Amino acid sequence: MEYRFTGKKSHLFCHKFMSIVDGVTMDDDQQSHTLKLQVFGYRGTNLRDAVSLLSRVTISNEQIQSLCEVS
């Protein structure tokens, strides 16, 4: 995906990405498709958490450690 997110757009994407996953989920999905969507959801959660930490003006050592865990 080649799109540069800035400011409010990246914030909205990171906090609403699960609606995209829900939008492409179907009741009769194959197991492999469901797994791919779960991986996408997990990585999206990591991205959201990392963006939240990276966009701070001040950051504590505990938050830096947390950033290491989500990346």
Protein backbone atom coordinates (compact mmCIF):
# COMPACT_ATOMS: atom_id res chain seq x y z
CA MET A 1 0.00 0.00 0.00
CA GLU A 2 1.54 3.28 -1.05
CA TYR A 3 -0.23 5.99 0.89
CA ARG A 4 1.34 8.44 3.28
CA PHE A 5 -0.69 8.79 6.47
CA THR A 6 -0.34 12.02 8.38
CA GLY A 7 -1.88 13.37 11.56
CA LYS A 8 -5.57 12.69 11.96
CA LYS A 9 -5.73 10.20 9.06
CA SER A 10 -3.18 7.85 10.60
CA HIS A 11 -4.88 8.16 13.99
CA LEU A 12 -8.27 7.24 12.53
CA PHE A 13 -6.87 4.35 10.51
CA CYS A 14 -5.01 2.90 13.46
CA HIS A 15 -8.03 3.07 15.73
CA LYS A 16 -10.63 1.91 13.19
CA PHE A 17 -8.70 -0.79 11.32
CA MET A 18 -10.69 -3.64 12.87
CA SER A 19 -13.77 -2.39 11.02
CA ILE A 20 -11.87 -3.25 7.82
CA VAL A 21 -11.21 -6.77 9.12
CA ASP A 22 -14.86 -7.12 10.13
CA GLY A 23 -15.92 -5.88 6.70
CA VAL A 24 -14.11 -8.68 4.86
CA THR A 25 -15.01 -11.45 7.32
CA MET A 26 -17.72 -13.93 6.34
CA ASP A 27 -19.35 -16.71 8.33
CA ASP A 28 -18.26 -19.37 5.83
CA ASP A 29 -14.60 -18.28 5.54
CA GLN A 30 -12.01 -20.98 5.06
CA GLN A 31 -9.65 -21.51 7.97
CA SER A 32 -6.70 -20.11 6.01
CA HIS A 33 -8.62 -16.90 5.24
CA THR A 34 -9.62 -16.52 8.89
CA LEU A 35 -6.00 -16.98 9.97
CA LYS A 36 -4.84 -14.30 7.53
CA LEU A 37 -7.44 -11.89 8.90
CA GLN A 38 -6.40 -12.64 12.46
CA VAL A 39 -2.76 -11.97 11.58
CA PHE A 40 -3.80 -8.70 9.91
CA GLY A 41 -5.74 -7.75 13.05
CA TYR A 42 -2.82 -8.60 15.32
CA ARG A 43 -0.32 -6.62 13.25
CA GLY A 44 -2.76 -3.73 13.08
CA THR A 45 -2.97 -3.72 16.87
CA ASN A 46 0.83 -3.66 17.06
CA LEU A 47 0.94 -0.79 14.55
CA ARG A 48 -1.65 1.17 16.54
CA ASP A 49 0.30 0.71 19.76
CA ALA A 50 3.62 1.62 18.13
CA VAL A 51 2.19 4.76 16.52
CA SER A 52 0.71 5.78 19.85
CA LEU A 53 4.11 5.50 21.52
CA LEU A 54 6.14 7.02 18.69
CA SER A 55 3.95 10.11 18.44
CA ARG A 56 4.55 11.17 22.05
CA VAL A 57 6.66 14.15 22.96
CA THR A 58 7.97 12.48 26.10
CA ILE A 59 8.29 8.77 26.62
CA SER A 60 9.27 6.74 29.67
CA ASN A 61 11.64 3.77 29.81
CA GLU A 62 8.66 1.46 30.39
CA GLN A 63 7.00 2.78 27.23
CA ILE A 64 10.22 2.26 25.27
CA GLN A 65 10.26 -1.35 26.49
CA SER A 66 6.62 -1.69 25.45
CA LEU A 67 7.53 -0.37 22.00
CA CYS A 68 10.18 -3.08 21.69
CA GLU A 69 7.52 -5.69 22.47
CA VAL A 70 5.00 -4.50 19.84
CA SER A 71 7.46 -4.07 16.98
